[in-house]
Amino acid sequence: MTTTQMTEQNFEEVVASNDIVLIDFWATWCGPCRSFAPTYEKVAEQYPDIIFAKVDTEAEQGLAASFSIMSIPTLMVIRENVVLFSQAGALPERTLRELVEKVRDLDMQEVHRQILEQHNADA
């Protein structure tokens, strides 16, 4: 599967209708972003059941700002509407595949339970 262009208009729909979404925040002028792009595309092809999205931070400044993106590339992983990972910098192919596998294997019932516990403790 190829990557999906994510915008403010389609963000909610993409995240809500897919279990796992990886998001690459990038810009055309960013050298490290251009270097990471082939790795991101290659790994995306290996996981057709997962959405690999790209956000052009120049065109989608509001979306980038809503996630406080300060450096690019930044990779974010969302599963079941929970941000599980957010890190600036390009990842090597092997590390990106390992991240995808860890996210896929995660017990999301436990994650949601911990979020609820934290929310109740903060209330």
PDB file of N, CA and C in Angstrom:
ATOM      1  N   MET A   1       0.845  -1.189   0.000  1.00  0.00           N
ATOM      2  CA  MET A   1       0.000   0.000   0.000  1.00  0.00           C
ATOM      3  C   MET A   1       0.880   1.239   0.000  1.00  0.00           C
ATOM      4  N   THR A   2       0.462   2.239  -0.721  1.00  0.00           N
ATOM      5  CA  THR A   2       1.198   3.489  -0.717  1.00  0.00           C
ATOM      6  C   THR A   2       0.739   4.336   0.465  1.00  0.00           C
ATOM      7  N   THR A   3       1.411   5.435   0.645  1.00  0.00           N
ATOM      8  CA  THR A   3       1.054   6.297   1.769  1.00  0.00           C
ATOM      9  C   THR A   3      -0.178   7.142   1.430  1.00  0.00           C
ATOM     10  N   THR A   4      -0.824   7.624   2.482  1.00  0.00           N
ATOM     11  CA  THR A   4      -2.020   8.452   2.377  1.00  0.00           C
ATOM     12  C   THR A   4      -1.653   9.876   2.748  1.00  0.00           C
ATOM     13  N   GLN A   5      -2.085  10.832   1.935  1.00  0.00           N
ATOM     14  CA  GLN A   5      -1.875  12.232   2.291  1.00  0.00           C
ATOM     15  C   GLN A   5      -2.924  12.620   3.323  1.00  0.00           C
ATOM     16  N   MET A   6      -2.464  13.111   4.476  1.00  0.00           N
ATOM     17  CA  MET A   6      -3.377  13.470   5.552  1.00  0.00           C
ATOM     18  C   MET A   6      -3.488  14.992   5.622  1.00  0.00           C
ATOM     19  N   THR A   7      -4.718  15.450   5.773  1.00  0.00           N
ATOM     20  CA  THR A   7      -4.999  16.881   5.877  1.00  0.00           C
ATOM     21  C   THR A   7      -5.894  17.117   7.090  1.00  0.00           C
ATOM     22  N   GLU A   8      -6.102  18.369   7.416  1.00  0.00           N
ATOM     23  CA  GLU A   8      -7.038  18.680   8.497  1.00  0.00           C
ATOM     24  C   GLU A   8      -8.428  18.151   8.159  1.00  0.00           C
ATOM     25  N   GLN A   9      -8.779  18.156   6.870  1.00  0.00           N
ATOM     26  CA  GLN A   9     -10.103  17.731   6.441  1.00  0.00           C
ATOM     27  C   GLN A   9     -10.312  16.220   6.596  1.00  0.00           C
ATOM     28  N   ASN A  10      -9.269  15.408   6.363  1.00  0.00           N
ATOM     29  CA  ASN A  10      -9.484  13.960   6.425  1.00  0.00           C
ATOM     30  C   ASN A  10      -8.882  13.305   7.672  1.00  0.00           C
ATOM     31  N   PHE A  11      -8.248  14.079   8.547  1.00  0.00           N
ATOM     32  CA  PHE A  11      -7.578  13.517   9.715  1.00  0.00           C
ATOM     33  C   PHE A  11      -8.514  12.671  10.567  1.00  0.00           C
ATOM     34  N   GLU A  12      -9.617  13.243  11.007  1.00  0.00           N
ATOM     35  CA  GLU A  12     -10.547  12.533  11.907  1.00  0.00           C
ATOM     36  C   GLU A  12     -11.048  11.239  11.270  1.00  0.00           C
ATOM     37  N   GLU A  13     -11.420  11.309  10.005  1.00  0.00           N
ATOM     38  CA  GLU A  13     -11.949  10.125   9.317  1.00  0.00           C
ATOM     39  C   GLU A  13     -10.886   9.026   9.213  1.00  0.00           C
ATOM     40  N   VAL A  14      -9.667   9.398   8.857  1.00  0.00           N
ATOM     41  CA  VAL A  14      -8.593   8.406   8.713  1.00  0.00           C
ATOM     42  C   VAL A  14      -8.300   7.736  10.051  1.00  0.00           C
ATOM     43  N   VAL A  15      -8.176   8.518  11.112  1.00  0.00           N
ATOM     44  CA  VAL A  15      -7.860   7.965  12.429  1.00  0.00           C
ATOM     45  C   VAL A  15      -9.014   7.129  12.966  1.00  0.00           C
ATOM     46  N   ALA A  16     -10.242   7.610  12.804  1.00  0.00           N
ATOM     47  CA  ALA A  16     -11.404   6.902  13.344  1.00  0.00           C
ATOM     48  C   ALA A  16     -11.701   5.601  12.601  1.00  0.00           C
ATOM     49  N   SER A  17     -11.389   5.547  11.319  1.00  0.00           N
ATOM     50  CA  SER A  17     -11.773   4.373  10.534  1.00  0.00           C
ATOM     51  C   SER A  17     -10.645   3.363  10.340  1.00  0.00           C
ATOM     52  N   ASN A  18      -9.522   3.565  11.027  1.00  0.00           N
ATOM     53  CA  ASN A  18      -8.392   2.639  10.919  1.00  0.00           C
ATOM     54  C   ASN A  18      -7.818   2.352  12.301  1.00  0.00           C
ATOM     55  N   ASP A  19      -7.499   1.096  12.542  1.00  0.00           N
ATOM     56  CA  ASP A  19      -6.992   0.668  13.844  1.00  0.00           C
ATOM     57  C   ASP A  19      -5.637   1.298  14.153  1.00  0.00           C
ATOM     58  N   ILE A  20      -4.715   1.213  13.206  1.00  0.00           N
ATOM     59  CA  ILE A  20      -3.361   1.739  13.416  1.00  0.00           C
ATOM     60  C   ILE A  20      -3.039   2.722  12.304  1.00  0.00           C
ATOM     61  N   VAL A  21      -2.575   3.911  12.700  1.00  0.00           N
ATOM     62  CA  VAL A  21      -2.192   4.942  11.739  1.00  0.00           C
ATOM     63  C   VAL A  21      -0.823   5.484  12.128  1.00  0.00           C
ATOM     64  N   LEU A  22       0.125   5.388  11.200  1.00  0.00           N
ATOM     65  CA  LEU A  22       1.424   6.035  11.368  1.00  0.00           C
ATOM     66  C   LEU A  22       1.366   7.335  10.596  1.00  0.00           C
ATOM     67  N   ILE A  23       1.943   8.377  11.148  1.00  0.00           N
ATOM     68  CA  ILE A  23       1.926   9.687  10.494  1.00  0.00           C
ATOM     69  C   ILE A  23       3.350  10.221  10.430  1.00  0.00           C
ATOM     70  N   ASP A  24       3.776  10.545   9.233  1.00  0.00           N
ATOM     71  CA  ASP A  24       5.079  11.166   8.993  1.00  0.00           C
ATOM     72  C   ASP A  24       4.836  12.648   8.737  1.00  0.00           C
ATOM     73  N   PHE A  25       5.247  13.496   9.681  1.00  0.00           N
ATOM     74  CA  PHE A  25       5.175  14.943   9.500  1.00  0.00           C
ATOM     75  C   PHE A  25       6.455  15.367   8.792  1.00  0.00           C
ATOM     76  N   TRP A  26       6.340  16.020   7.642  1.00  0.00           N
ATOM     77  CA  TRP A  26       7.492  16.313   6.798  1.00  0.00           C
ATOM     78  C   TRP A  26       7.292  17.634   6.050  1.00  0.00           C
ATOM     79  N   ALA A  27       8.310  18.047   5.312  1.00  0.00           N
ATOM     80  CA  ALA A  27       8.217  19.206   4.413  1.00  0.00           C
ATOM     81  C   ALA A  27       9.165  18.986   3.245  1.00  0.00           C
ATOM     82  N   THR A  28       8.843  19.582   2.111  1.00  0.00           N
ATOM     83  CA  THR A  28       9.654  19.382   0.904  1.00  0.00           C
ATOM     84  C   THR A  28      11.070  19.921   1.054  1.00  0.00           C
ATOM     85  N   TRP A  29      11.254  20.970   1.834  1.00  0.00           N
ATOM     86  CA  TRP A  29      12.577  21.584   1.978  1.00  0.00           C
ATOM     87  C   TRP A  29      13.471  20.835   2.974  1.00  0.00           C
ATOM     88  N   CYS A  30      12.943  19.820   3.650  1.00  0.00           N
ATOM     89  CA  CYS A  30      13.649  19.118   4.728  1.00  0.00           C
ATOM     90  C   CYS A  30      14.450  17.935   4.173  1.00  0.00           C
ATOM     91  N   GLY A  31      15.762  18.038   4.199  1.00  0.00           N
ATOM     92  CA  GLY A  31      16.633  16.968   3.721  1.00  0.00           C
ATOM     93  C   GLY A  31      16.423  15.641   4.430  1.00  0.00           C
ATOM     94  N   PRO A  32      16.433  15.616   5.772  1.00  0.00           N
ATOM     95  CA  PRO A  32      16.183  14.354   6.474  1.00  0.00           C
ATOM     96  C   PRO A  32      14.808  13.757   6.142  1.00  0.00           C
ATOM     97  N   CYS A  33      13.827  14.611   5.891  1.00  0.00           N
ATOM     98  CA  CYS A  33      12.493  14.118   5.516  1.00  0.00           C
ATOM     99  C   CYS A  33      12.560  13.391   4.175  1.00  0.00           C
ATOM    100  N   ARG A  34      13.261  13.995   3.211  1.00  0.00           N
ATOM    101  CA  ARG A  34      13.397  13.370   1.892  1.00  0.00           C
ATOM    102  C   ARG A  34      14.187  12.070   1.988  1.00  0.00           C
ATOM    103  N   SER A  35      15.162  12.006   2.894  1.00  0.00           N
ATOM    104  CA  SER A  35      15.950  10.782   3.076  1.00  0.00           C
ATOM    105  C   SER A  35      15.116   9.670   3.712  1.00  0.00           C
ATOM    106  N   PHE A  36      14.201  10.032   4.617  1.00  0.00           N
ATOM    107  CA  PHE A  36      13.368   9.062   5.317  1.00  0.00           C
ATOM    108  C   PHE A  36      12.228   8.544   4.439  1.00  0.00           C
ATOM    109  N   ALA A  37      11.793   9.333   3.485  1.00  0.00           N
ATOM    110  CA  ALA A  37      10.616   8.989   2.669  1.00  0.00           C
ATOM    111  C   ALA A  37      10.699   7.605   2.017  1.00  0.00           C
ATOM    112  N   PRO A  38      11.814   7.214   1.372  1.00  0.00           N
ATOM    113  CA  PRO A  38      11.853   5.879   0.766  1.00  0.00           C
ATOM    114  C   PRO A  38      11.728   4.748   1.793  1.00  0.00           C
ATOM    115  N   THR A  39      12.303   4.922   2.968  1.00  0.00           N
ATOM    116  CA  THR A  39      12.191   3.926   4.033  1.00  0.00           C
ATOM    117  C   THR A  39      10.739   3.804   4.473  1.00  0.00           C
ATOM    118  N   TYR A  40      10.088   4.931   4.680  1.00  0.00           N
ATOM    119  CA  TYR A  40       8.684   4.963   5.099  1.00  0.00           C
ATOM    120  C   TYR A  40       7.799   4.265   4.058  1.00  0.00           C
ATOM    121  N   GLU A  41       8.035   4.584   2.780  1.00  0.00           N
ATOM    122  CA  GLU A  41       7.264   3.966   1.696  1.00  0.00           C
ATOM    123  C   GLU A  41       7.498   2.458   1.652  1.00  0.00           C
ATOM    124  N   LYS A  42       8.744   2.033   1.809  1.00  0.00           N
ATOM    125  CA  LYS A  42       9.083   0.608   1.742  1.00  0.00           C
ATOM    126  C   LYS A  42       8.394  -0.176   2.859  1.00  0.00           C
ATOM    127  N   VAL A  43       8.445   0.361   4.073  1.00  0.00           N
ATOM    128  CA  VAL A  43       7.803  -0.314   5.202  1.00  0.00           C
ATOM    129  C   VAL A  43       6.276  -0.291   5.028  1.00  0.00           C
ATOM    130  N   ALA A  44       5.739   0.785   4.499  1.00  0.00           N
ATOM    131  CA  ALA A  44       4.288   0.865   4.248  1.00  0.00           C
ATOM    132  C   ALA A  44       3.837  -0.269   3.335  1.00  0.00           C
ATOM    133  N   GLU A  45       4.631  -0.604   2.345  1.00  0.00           N
ATOM    134  CA  GLU A  45       4.280  -1.689   1.426  1.00  0.00           C
ATOM    135  C   GLU A  45       4.239  -3.038   2.136  1.00  0.00           C
ATOM    136  N   GLN A  46       5.007  -3.187   3.215  1.00  0.00           N
ATOM    137  CA  GLN A  46       5.074  -4.450   3.949  1.00  0.00           C
ATOM    138  C   GLN A  46       3.885  -4.644   4.894  1.00  0.00           C
ATOM    139  N   TYR A  47       3.127  -3.575   5.153  1.00  0.00           N
ATOM    140  CA  TYR A  47       2.001  -3.633   6.093  1.00  0.00           C
ATOM    141  C   TYR A  47       0.750  -3.032   5.437  1.00  0.00           C
ATOM    142  N   PRO A  48       0.142  -3.743   4.499  1.00  0.00           N
ATOM    143  CA  PRO A  48      -1.017  -3.186   3.792  1.00  0.00           C
ATOM    144  C   PRO A  48      -2.251  -2.973   4.681  1.00  0.00           C
ATOM    145  N   ASP A  49      -2.270  -3.581   5.861  1.00  0.00           N
ATOM    146  CA  ASP A  49      -3.409  -3.435   6.768  1.00  0.00           C
ATOM    147  C   ASP A  49      -3.283  -2.214   7.678  1.00  0.00           C
ATOM    148  N   ILE A  50      -2.173  -1.497   7.577  1.00  0.00           N
ATOM    149  CA  ILE A  50      -1.917  -0.333   8.427  1.00  0.00           C
ATOM    150  C   ILE A  50      -1.833   0.909   7.544  1.00  0.00           C
ATOM    151  N   ILE A  51      -2.388   2.005   8.026  1.00  0.00           N
ATOM    152  CA  ILE A  51      -2.332   3.259   7.270  1.00  0.00           C
ATOM    153  C   ILE A  51      -1.022   3.978   7.587  1.00  0.00           C
ATOM    154  N   PHE A  52      -0.273   4.290   6.553  1.00  0.00           N
ATOM    155  CA  PHE A  52       0.935   5.099   6.652  1.00  0.00           C
ATOM    156  C   PHE A  52       0.594   6.429   6.000  1.00  0.00           C
ATOM    157  N   ALA A  53       0.411   7.457   6.817  1.00  0.00           N
ATOM    158  CA  ALA A  53      -0.005   8.767   6.332  1.00  0.00           C
ATOM    159  C   ALA A  53       1.171   9.739   6.343  1.00  0.00           C
ATOM    160  N   LYS A  54       1.032  10.779   5.525  1.00  0.00           N
ATOM    161  CA  LYS A  54       2.038  11.830   5.476  1.00  0.00           C
ATOM    162  C   LYS A  54       1.330  13.172   5.632  1.00  0.00           C
ATOM    163  N   VAL A  55       1.916  14.038   6.464  1.00  0.00           N
ATOM    164  CA  VAL A  55       1.393  15.389   6.645  1.00  0.00           C
ATOM    165  C   VAL A  55       2.468  16.368   6.215  1.00  0.00           C
ATOM    166  N   ASP A  56       2.188  17.120   5.168  1.00  0.00           N
ATOM    167  CA  ASP A  56       3.084  18.181   4.716  1.00  0.00           C
ATOM    168  C   ASP A  56       2.890  19.362   5.675  1.00  0.00           C
ATOM    169  N   THR A  57       3.891  19.598   6.520  1.00  0.00           N
ATOM    170  CA  THR A  57       3.744  20.612   7.571  1.00  0.00           C
ATOM    171  C   THR A  57       3.634  22.036   7.016  1.00  0.00           C
ATOM    172  N   GLU A  58       4.080  22.245   5.791  1.00  0.00           N
ATOM    173  CA  GLU A  58       3.928  23.570   5.175  1.00  0.00           C
ATOM    174  C   GLU A  58       2.482  23.800   4.742  1.00  0.00           C
ATOM    175  N   ALA A  59       1.875  22.777   4.140  1.00  0.00           N
ATOM    176  CA  ALA A  59       0.500  22.887   3.660  1.00  0.00           C
ATOM    177  C   ALA A  59      -0.515  22.724   4.793  1.00  0.00           C
ATOM    178  N   GLU A  60      -0.134  21.981   5.820  1.00  0.00           N
ATOM    179  CA  GLU A  60      -1.059  21.658   6.919  1.00  0.00           C
ATOM    180  C   GLU A  60      -0.516  22.186   8.252  1.00  0.00           C
ATOM    181  N   GLN A  61      -0.268  23.485   8.299  1.00  0.00           N
ATOM    182  CA  GLN A  61       0.325  24.087   9.494  1.00  0.00           C
ATOM    183  C   GLN A  61      -0.573  23.943  10.719  1.00  0.00           C
ATOM    184  N   GLY A  62      -1.869  24.013  10.541  1.00  0.00           N
ATOM    185  CA  GLY A  62      -2.795  23.871  11.663  1.00  0.00           C
ATOM    186  C   GLY A  62      -2.743  22.480  12.265  1.00  0.00           C
ATOM    187  N   LEU A  63      -2.682  21.474  11.408  1.00  0.00           N
ATOM    188  CA  LEU A  63      -2.616  20.093  11.883  1.00  0.00           C
ATOM    189  C   LEU A  63      -1.289  19.848  12.603  1.00  0.00           C
ATOM    190  N   ALA A  64      -0.199  20.331  12.026  1.00  0.00           N
ATOM    191  CA  ALA A  64       1.112  20.187  12.667  1.00  0.00           C
ATOM    192  C   ALA A  64       1.129  20.912  14.016  1.00  0.00           C
ATOM    193  N   ALA A  65       0.542  22.087  14.067  1.00  0.00           N
ATOM    194  CA  ALA A  65       0.500  22.848  15.318  1.00  0.00           C
ATOM    195  C   ALA A  65      -0.341  22.145  16.379  1.00  0.00           C
ATOM    196  N   SER A  66      -1.409  21.479  15.964  1.00  0.00           N
ATOM    197  CA  SER A  66      -2.276  20.805  16.937  1.00  0.00           C
ATOM    198  C   SER A  66      -1.544  19.668  17.644  1.00  0.00           C
ATOM    199  N   PHE A  67      -0.478  19.146  17.033  1.00  0.00           N
ATOM    200  CA  PHE A  67       0.333  18.110  17.664  1.00  0.00           C
ATOM    201  C   PHE A  67       1.670  18.656  18.166  1.00  0.00           C
ATOM    202  N   SER A  68       1.809  19.981  18.178  1.00  0.00           N
ATOM    203  CA  SER A  68       3.023  20.654  18.663  1.00  0.00           C
ATOM    204  C   SER A  68       4.282  20.129  17.971  1.00  0.00           C
ATOM    205  N   ILE A  69       4.189  19.948  16.645  1.00  0.00           N
ATOM    206  CA  ILE A  69       5.337  19.490  15.878  1.00  0.00           C
ATOM    207  C   ILE A  69       6.350  20.631  15.797  1.00  0.00           C
ATOM    208  N   MET A  70       7.525  20.407  16.367  1.00  0.00           N
ATOM    209  CA  MET A  70       8.574  21.432  16.405  1.00  0.00           C
ATOM    210  C   MET A  70       9.755  21.075  15.500  1.00  0.00           C
ATOM    211  N   SER A  71       9.942  19.788  15.224  1.00  0.00           N
ATOM    212  CA  SER A  71      11.041  19.315  14.387  1.00  0.00           C
ATOM    213  C   SER A  71      10.482  18.309  13.393  1.00  0.00           C
ATOM    214  N   ILE A  72      11.099  18.288  12.215  1.00  0.00           N
ATOM    215  CA  ILE A  72      10.690  17.295  11.227  1.00  0.00           C
ATOM    216  C   ILE A  72      11.930  16.611  10.677  1.00  0.00           C
ATOM    217  N   PRO A  73      11.802  15.374  10.268  1.00  0.00           N
ATOM    218  CA  PRO A  73      10.575  14.595  10.311  1.00  0.00           C
ATOM    219  C   PRO A  73      10.210  14.217  11.747  1.00  0.00           C
ATOM    220  N   THR A  74       8.917  14.121  11.991  1.00  0.00           N
ATOM    221  CA  THR A  74       8.410  13.558  13.241  1.00  0.00           C
ATOM    222  C   THR A  74       7.482  12.418  12.865  1.00  0.00           C
ATOM    223  N   LEU A  75       7.671  11.298  13.530  1.00  0.00           N
ATOM    224  CA  LEU A  75       6.823  10.135  13.310  1.00  0.00           C
ATOM    225  C   LEU A  75       5.899   9.975  14.504  1.00  0.00           C
ATOM    226  N   MET A  76       4.617   9.784  14.214  1.00  0.00           N
ATOM    227  CA  MET A  76       3.621   9.579  15.260  1.00  0.00           C
ATOM    228  C   MET A  76       2.847   8.305  14.943  1.00  0.00           C
ATOM    229  N   VAL A  77       2.497   7.558  15.984  1.00  0.00           N
ATOM    230  CA  VAL A  77       1.688   6.360  15.813  1.00  0.00           C
ATOM    231  C   VAL A  77       0.441   6.490  16.681  1.00  0.00           C
ATOM    232  N   ILE A  78      -0.719   6.297  16.041  1.00  0.00           N
ATOM    233  CA  ILE A  78      -1.998   6.352  16.736  1.00  0.00           C
ATOM    234  C   ILE A  78      -2.676   5.003  16.552  1.00  0.00           C
ATOM    235  N   ARG A  79      -3.139   4.430  17.663  1.00  0.00           N
ATOM    236  CA  ARG A  79      -3.916   3.193  17.595  1.00  0.00           C
ATOM    237  C   ARG A  79      -5.154   3.374  18.457  1.00  0.00           C
ATOM    238  N   GLU A  80      -6.300   3.078  17.871  1.00  0.00           N
ATOM    239  CA  GLU A  80      -7.584   3.217  18.571  1.00  0.00           C
ATOM    240  C   GLU A  80      -7.704   4.601  19.229  1.00  0.00           C
ATOM    241  N   ASN A  81      -7.361   5.617  18.475  1.00  0.00           N
ATOM    242  CA  ASN A  81      -7.457   7.019  18.892  1.00  0.00           C
ATOM    243  C   ASN A  81      -6.520   7.388  20.038  1.00  0.00           C
ATOM    244  N   VAL A  82      -5.495   6.588  20.284  1.00  0.00           N
ATOM    245  CA  VAL A  82      -4.519   6.872  21.334  1.00  0.00           C
ATOM    246  C   VAL A  82      -3.154   7.081  20.681  1.00  0.00           C
ATOM    247  N   VAL A  83      -2.523   8.218  20.974  1.00  0.00           N
ATOM    248  CA  VAL A  83      -1.172   8.454  20.483  1.00  0.00           C
ATOM    249  C   VAL A  83      -0.224   7.607  21.332  1.00  0.00           C
ATOM    250  N   LEU A  84       0.385   6.623  20.700  1.00  0.00           N
ATOM    251  CA  LEU A  84       1.266   5.699  21.407  1.00  0.00           C
ATOM    252  C   LEU A  84       2.734   6.069  21.260  1.00  0.00           C
ATOM    253  N   PHE A  85       3.063   6.837  20.221  1.00  0.00           N
ATOM    254  CA  PHE A  85       4.463   7.139  19.935  1.00  0.00           C
ATOM    255  C   PHE A  85       4.522   8.451  19.184  1.00  0.00           C
ATOM    256  N   SER A  86       5.476   9.293  19.550  1.00  0.00           N
ATOM    257  CA  SER A  86       5.740  10.522  18.819  1.00  0.00           C
ATOM    258  C   SER A  86       7.197  10.872  19.038  1.00  0.00           C
ATOM    259  N   GLN A  87       7.946  10.916  17.934  1.00  0.00           N
ATOM    260  CA  GLN A  87       9.377  11.168  18.061  1.00  0.00           C
ATOM    261  C   GLN A  87       9.891  11.865  16.803  1.00  0.00           C
ATOM    262  N   ALA A  88      10.686  12.881  17.007  1.00  0.00           N
ATOM    263  CA  ALA A  88      11.328  13.556  15.885  1.00  0.00           C
ATOM    264  C   ALA A  88      12.542  12.748  15.439  1.00  0.00           C
ATOM    265  N   GLY A  89      12.823  12.811  14.149  1.00  0.00           N
ATOM    266  CA  GLY A  89      13.985  12.126  13.604  1.00  0.00           C
ATOM    267  C   GLY A  89      13.588  10.956  12.730  1.00  0.00           C
ATOM    268  N   ALA A  90      14.430  10.666  11.771  1.00  0.00           N
ATOM    269  CA  ALA A  90      14.188   9.551  10.857  1.00  0.00           C
ATOM    270  C   ALA A  90      14.622   8.249  11.517  1.00  0.00           C
ATOM    271  N   LEU A  91      13.827   7.214  11.320  1.00  0.00           N
ATOM    272  CA  LEU A  91      14.156   5.899  11.865  1.00  0.00           C
ATOM    273  C   LEU A  91      14.730   5.012  10.759  1.00  0.00           C
ATOM    274  N   PRO A  92      15.691   4.158  11.107  1.00  0.00           N
ATOM    275  CA  PRO A  92      16.145   3.157  10.138  1.00  0.00           C
ATOM    276  C   PRO A  92      15.013   2.167   9.848  1.00  0.00           C
ATOM    277  N   GLU A  93      15.081   1.516   8.708  1.00  0.00           N
ATOM    278  CA  GLU A  93      14.019   0.592   8.291  1.00  0.00           C
ATOM    279  C   GLU A  93      13.728  -0.467   9.351  1.00  0.00           C
ATOM    280  N   ARG A  94      14.758  -1.101   9.872  1.00  0.00           N
ATOM    281  CA  ARG A  94      14.571  -2.167  10.867  1.00  0.00           C
ATOM    282  C   ARG A  94      13.857  -1.649  12.111  1.00  0.00           C
ATOM    283  N   THR A  95      14.247  -0.476  12.578  1.00  0.00           N
ATOM    284  CA  THR A  95      13.638   0.120  13.768  1.00  0.00           C
ATOM    285  C   THR A  95      12.175   0.464  13.508  1.00  0.00           C
ATOM    286  N   LEU A  96      11.884   0.972  12.313  1.00  0.00           N
ATOM    287  CA  LEU A  96      10.505   1.294  11.969  1.00  0.00           C
ATOM    288  C   LEU A  96       9.647   0.029  11.932  1.00  0.00           C
ATOM    289  N   ARG A  97      10.156  -1.041  11.355  1.00  0.00           N
ATOM    290  CA  ARG A  97       9.416  -2.311  11.332  1.00  0.00           C
ATOM    291  C   ARG A  97       9.194  -2.830  12.756  1.00  0.00           C
ATOM    292  N   GLU A  98      10.210  -2.741  13.611  1.00  0.00           N
ATOM    293  CA  GLU A  98      10.079  -3.186  15.003  1.00  0.00           C
ATOM    294  C   GLU A  98       9.010  -2.370  15.729  1.00  0.00           C
ATOM    295  N   LEU A  99       8.979  -1.068  15.481  1.00  0.00           N
ATOM    296  CA  LEU A  99       7.965  -0.206  16.088  1.00  0.00           C
ATOM    297  C   LEU A  99       6.571  -0.641  15.654  1.00  0.00           C
ATOM    298  N   VAL A 100       6.393  -0.893  14.365  1.00  0.00           N
ATOM    299  CA  VAL A 100       5.094  -1.328  13.862  1.00  0.00           C
ATOM    300  C   VAL A 100       4.674  -2.633  14.535  1.00  0.00           C
ATOM    301  N   GLU A 101       5.581  -3.569  14.664  1.00  0.00           N
ATOM    302  CA  GLU A 101       5.262  -4.858  15.300  1.00  0.00           C
ATOM    303  C   GLU A 101       4.898  -4.675  16.778  1.00  0.00           C
ATOM    304  N   LYS A 102       5.614  -3.813  17.482  1.00  0.00           N
ATOM    305  CA  LYS A 102       5.304  -3.570  18.895  1.00  0.00           C
ATOM    306  C   LYS A 102       3.924  -2.946  19.051  1.00  0.00           C
ATOM    307  N   VAL A 103       3.604  -2.002  18.183  1.00  0.00           N
ATOM    308  CA  VAL A 103       2.285  -1.356  18.238  1.00  0.00           C
ATOM    309  C   VAL A 103       1.202  -2.376  17.914  1.00  0.00           C
ATOM    310  N   ARG A 104       1.439  -3.211  16.929  1.00  0.00           N
ATOM    311  CA  ARG A 104       0.473  -4.235  16.534  1.00  0.00           C
ATOM    312  C   ARG A 104       0.227  -5.228  17.674  1.00  0.00           C
ATOM    313  N   ASP A 105       1.277  -5.584  18.427  1.00  0.00           N
ATOM    314  CA  ASP A 105       1.178  -6.581  19.493  1.00  0.00           C
ATOM    315  C   ASP A 105       0.676  -6.021  20.823  1.00  0.00           C
ATOM    316  N   LEU A 106       0.552  -4.726  20.924  1.00  0.00           N
ATOM    317  CA  LEU A 106       0.167  -4.090  22.176  1.00  0.00           C
ATOM    318  C   LEU A 106      -1.245  -4.482  22.608  1.00  0.00           C
ATOM    319  N   ASP A 107      -1.424  -4.723  23.899  1.00  0.00           N
ATOM    320  CA  ASP A 107      -2.732  -5.033  24.473  1.00  0.00           C
ATOM    321  C   ASP A 107      -3.473  -3.709  24.695  1.00  0.00           C
ATOM    322  N   MET A 108      -4.325  -3.365  23.757  1.00  0.00           N
ATOM    323  CA  MET A 108      -4.996  -2.066  23.828  1.00  0.00           C
ATOM    324  C   MET A 108      -6.042  -2.012  24.937  1.00  0.00           C
ATOM    325  N   GLN A 109      -6.589  -3.149  25.355  1.00  0.00           N
ATOM    326  CA  GLN A 109      -7.505  -3.126  26.507  1.00  0.00           C
ATOM    327  C   GLN A 109      -6.759  -2.624  27.736  1.00  0.00           C
ATOM    328  N   GLU A 110      -5.535  -3.081  27.897  1.00  0.00           N
ATOM    329  CA  GLU A 110      -4.710  -2.637  29.024  1.00  0.00           C
ATOM    330  C   GLU A 110      -4.380  -1.150  28.902  1.00  0.00           C
ATOM    331  N   VAL A 111      -4.061  -0.711  27.701  1.00  0.00           N
ATOM    332  CA  VAL A 111      -3.751   0.711  27.480  1.00  0.00           C
ATOM    333  C   VAL A 111      -4.960   1.566  27.848  1.00  0.00           C
ATOM    334  N   HIS A 112      -6.133   1.179  27.359  1.00  0.00           N
ATOM    335  CA  HIS A 112      -7.349   1.955  27.668  1.00  0.00           C
ATOM    336  C   HIS A 112      -7.658   1.919  29.164  1.00  0.00           C
ATOM    337  N   ARG A 113      -7.413   0.789  29.813  1.00  0.00           N
ATOM    338  CA  ARG A 113      -7.625   0.691  31.262  1.00  0.00           C
ATOM    339  C   ARG A 113      -6.701   1.663  31.997  1.00  0.00           C
ATOM    340  N   GLN A 114      -5.442   1.730  31.581  1.00  0.00           N
ATOM    341  CA  GLN A 114      -4.485   2.632  32.230  1.00  0.00           C
ATOM    342  C   GLN A 114      -4.860   4.096  32.002  1.00  0.00           C
ATOM    343  N   ILE A 115      -5.332   4.405  30.812  1.00  0.00           N
ATOM    344  CA  ILE A 115      -5.765   5.782  30.519  1.00  0.00           C
ATOM    345  C   ILE A 115      -6.952   6.148  31.410  1.00  0.00           C
ATOM    346  N   LEU A 116      -7.901   5.239  31.543  1.00  0.00           N
ATOM    347  CA  LEU A 116      -9.070   5.485  32.395  1.00  0.00           C
ATOM    348  C   LEU A 116      -8.651   5.662  33.852  1.00  0.00           C
ATOM    349  N   GLU A 117      -7.744   4.816  34.311  1.00  0.00           N
ATOM    350  CA  GLU A 117      -7.232   4.935  35.685  1.00  0.00           C
ATOM    351  C   GLU A 117      -6.585   6.299  35.908  1.00  0.00           C
ATOM    352  N   GLN A 118      -5.765   6.709  34.966  1.00  0.00           N
ATOM    353  CA  GLN A 118      -5.071   8.001  35.081  1.00  0.00           C
ATOM    354  C   GLN A 118      -6.078   9.140  35.062  1.00  0.00           C
ATOM    355  N   HIS A 119      -7.067   9.034  34.194  1.00  0.00           N
ATOM    356  CA  HIS A 119      -8.102  10.063  34.112  1.00  0.00           C
ATOM    357  C   HIS A 119      -8.863  10.169  35.433  1.00  0.00           C
ATOM    358  N   ASN A 120      -9.213   9.025  36.011  1.00  0.00           N
ATOM    359  CA  ASN A 120      -9.941   9.022  37.279  1.00  0.00           C
ATOM    360  C   ASN A 120      -9.089   9.561  38.414  1.00  0.00           C
ATOM    361  N   ALA A 121      -7.782   9.275  38.391  1.00  0.00           N
ATOM    362  CA  ALA A 121      -6.876   9.779  39.422  1.00  0.00           C
ATOM    363  C   ALA A 121      -6.705  11.293  39.319  1.00  0.00           C
ATOM    364  N   ASP A 122      -6.762  11.814  38.089  1.00  0.00           N
ATOM    365  CA  ASP A 122      -6.619  13.251  37.866  1.00  0.00           C
ATOM    366  C   ASP A 122      -7.889  14.030  38.172  1.00  0.00           C
ATOM    367  N   ALA A 123      -9.030  13.330  38.193  1.00  0.00           N
ATOM    368  CA  ALA A 123     -10.328  14.002  38.376  1.00  0.00           C
ATOM    369  C   ALA A 123     -10.572  14.435  39.798  1.00  0.00           C
TER     370      ALA A 123
END
